[in-house]
Amino acid sequence: WLKLYAQGFIAVGDYVFAKKILDHYLDQEANDDLLSIYSHCSVPKDSNVSALSLIQKVELWLQKEPAHPGLHFALGELCQQSQLWGKAVSSYQKVLDSPRVTNDMILKAQLGMMNVHEALEDHEKSAILQKEVLRLIMKSHPIV
């Protein structure tokens, strides 16, 4: 329910309240579903919630749970939004290296890395990642 409420506030542009809802729960426990939308609290340029404040919050949570792949993924998304390319790639790589990672999170981290390399115009690395993303999609959704 918390994810649904937060998504509703994000949809109507109340990023501050969405962040407040998510922060309240995530301060207690890292939750992959809630972390998956955390970066959406800072998307618009005119939002009162800066990506930097969200990055700092996720880094604080990472001090408590340094091996949590959902936290690293959220950090990767936020760093990508802020064009902190190296930190974004590093965060996505930590997701991929995690023994606790899910197949869905692997796909999302690969997509994130692919988008970073596209933004950096590293077409060779992006093409390699595109092939890996397609392989992962085919593996999880095989065509008969």
Protein backbone atom coordinates (compact mmCIF):
# COMPACT_ATOMS: atom_id res chain seq x y z
CA TRP A 1 0.00 0.00 0.00
CA LEU A 2 2.85 2.36 0.76
CA LYS A 3 4.20 2.01 -2.76
CA LEU A 4 0.77 2.74 -4.22
CA TYR A 5 0.34 5.84 -2.03
CA ALA A 6 3.80 7.12 -2.88
CA GLN A 7 3.21 6.53 -6.60
CA GLY A 8 -0.05 8.46 -6.33
CA PHE A 9 1.67 11.46 -4.76
CA ILE A 10 4.42 11.29 -7.39
CA ALA A 11 1.76 11.19 -10.13
CA VAL A 12 0.09 14.36 -8.84
CA GLY A 13 3.41 16.13 -8.36
CA ASP A 14 3.69 16.03 -4.58
CA TYR A 15 7.27 14.73 -4.52
CA VAL A 16 7.92 16.05 -1.03
CA PHE A 17 5.10 13.99 0.51
CA ALA A 18 6.00 10.91 -1.57
CA LYS A 19 9.56 11.18 -0.27
CA LYS A 20 8.27 11.62 3.28
CA ILE A 21 6.20 8.41 3.01
CA LEU A 22 9.11 6.45 1.56
CA ASP A 23 11.67 7.87 3.98
CA HIS A 24 9.52 6.99 6.96
CA TYR A 25 9.41 3.32 6.03
CA LEU A 26 12.86 3.00 4.47
CA ASP A 27 14.48 4.52 7.56
CA GLN A 28 13.28 1.39 9.36
CA GLU A 29 13.95 -1.25 6.70
CA ALA A 30 15.25 -1.39 3.12
CA ASN A 31 12.44 -2.62 0.88
CA ASP A 32 13.05 -3.36 -2.81
CA ASP A 33 9.53 -2.36 -3.91
CA LEU A 34 9.77 1.04 -2.24
CA LEU A 35 13.37 1.57 -3.32
CA SER A 36 12.34 0.89 -6.92
CA ILE A 37 10.35 4.16 -6.96
CA TYR A 38 12.52 6.24 -4.62
CA SER A 39 14.40 7.94 -7.46
CA HIS A 40 11.10 9.15 -8.94
CA CYS A 41 10.79 11.66 -6.10
CA SER A 42 13.34 13.94 -7.79
CA VAL A 43 12.69 13.54 -11.52
CA PRO A 44 11.28 16.99 -12.38
CA LYS A 45 13.75 19.86 -12.41
CA ASP A 46 11.28 22.07 -10.51
CA SER A 47 10.80 19.51 -7.73
CA ASN A 48 11.56 20.70 -4.21
CA VAL A 49 13.36 17.41 -3.64
CA SER A 50 16.88 17.39 -5.07
CA ALA A 51 18.51 14.22 -6.33
CA LEU A 52 21.51 15.10 -4.16
CA SER A 53 19.40 14.94 -0.98
CA LEU A 54 18.06 11.55 -2.08
CA ILE A 55 21.59 10.33 -2.87
CA GLN A 56 22.72 11.35 0.61
CA LYS A 57 19.76 9.53 2.16
CA VAL A 58 20.47 6.31 0.23
CA GLU A 59 24.16 6.51 1.18
CA LEU A 60 23.09 6.81 4.82
CA TRP A 61 20.96 3.66 4.49
CA LEU A 62 23.87 1.90 2.78
CA GLN A 63 25.95 2.47 5.91
CA LYS A 64 23.45 0.26 7.76
CA GLU A 65 23.06 -2.32 4.96
CA PRO A 66 26.10 -2.10 2.66
CA ALA A 67 25.28 -5.31 0.77
CA HIS A 68 21.64 -4.51 -0.07
CA PRO A 69 21.28 -4.62 -3.88
CA GLY A 70 18.08 -2.53 -3.87
CA LEU A 71 19.91 0.32 -2.16
CA HIS A 72 22.73 0.15 -4.70
CA PHE A 73 20.20 0.14 -7.54
CA ALA A 74 18.40 3.20 -6.15
CA LEU A 75 21.75 4.95 -5.78
CA GLY A 76 22.62 4.05 -9.37
CA GLU A 77 19.37 5.55 -10.66
CA LEU A 78 19.82 8.74 -8.65
CA CYS A 79 23.44 9.13 -9.74
CA GLN A 80 22.40 8.56 -13.34
CA GLN A 81 19.76 11.33 -13.02
CA SER A 82 22.45 13.63 -11.63
CA GLN A 83 24.89 12.64 -14.37
CA LEU A 84 27.32 11.18 -11.86
CA TRP A 85 28.24 8.56 -14.42
CA GLY A 86 31.09 6.81 -12.63
CA LYS A 87 29.15 6.50 -9.41
CA ALA A 88 26.09 5.25 -11.31
CA VAL A 89 28.09 2.52 -13.07
CA SER A 90 29.78 1.56 -9.80
CA SER A 91 26.40 1.27 -8.06
CA TYR A 92 24.89 -0.79 -10.86
CA GLN A 93 27.95 -3.07 -10.81
CA LYS A 94 27.46 -3.64 -7.06
CA VAL A 95 23.92 -4.76 -7.85
CA LEU A 96 25.21 -7.24 -10.41
CA ASP A 97 27.89 -8.53 -8.02
CA SER A 98 25.45 -9.06 -5.16
CA PRO A 99 24.63 -12.64 -4.16
CA ARG A 100 21.17 -11.38 -3.09
CA VAL A 101 20.22 -9.95 -6.48
CA THR A 102 17.05 -11.04 -8.29
CA ASN A 103 16.78 -11.65 -12.04
CA ASP A 104 14.57 -8.57 -12.36
CA MET A 105 17.14 -6.43 -10.60
CA ILE A 106 19.92 -7.78 -12.84
CA LEU A 107 17.94 -6.74 -15.88
CA LYS A 108 17.26 -3.27 -14.47
CA ALA A 109 20.91 -2.77 -13.49
CA GLN A 110 22.05 -3.84 -16.98
CA LEU A 111 19.56 -1.39 -18.52
CA GLY A 112 20.84 1.36 -16.24
CA MET A 113 24.44 0.67 -17.23
CA MET A 114 23.43 0.56 -20.89
CA ASN A 115 21.75 3.98 -20.57
CA VAL A 116 24.81 5.46 -18.86
CA HIS A 117 27.08 4.25 -21.66
CA GLU A 118 24.63 5.61 -24.23
CA ALA A 119 24.72 9.01 -22.49
CA LEU A 120 28.52 8.86 -22.52
CA GLU A 121 28.38 7.95 -26.22
CA ASP A 122 30.35 4.78 -25.55
CA HIS A 123 28.56 2.92 -28.31
CA GLU A 124 30.75 -0.17 -28.15
CA LYS A 125 30.06 -0.81 -24.45
CA SER A 126 26.41 0.13 -24.93
CA ALA A 127 26.04 -2.41 -27.75
CA ILE A 128 27.53 -5.15 -25.56
CA LEU A 129 25.09 -4.26 -22.79
CA GLN A 130 22.17 -4.15 -25.24
CA LYS A 131 22.94 -7.72 -26.26
CA GLU A 132 23.11 -8.77 -22.62
CA VAL A 133 19.79 -7.06 -21.88
CA LEU A 134 18.16 -8.83 -24.82
CA ARG A 135 19.60 -12.16 -23.65
CA LEU A 136 18.18 -11.58 -20.17
CA ILE A 137 14.77 -10.63 -21.55
CA MET A 138 14.68 -13.71 -23.76
CA LYS A 139 15.72 -15.87 -20.83
CA SER A 140 12.95 -14.56 -18.59
CA HIS A 141 10.30 -14.33 -21.35
CA PRO A 142 11.07 -17.06 -23.89
CA ILE A 143 9.28 -17.06 -27.20
CA VAL A 144 7.65 -20.38 -28.01
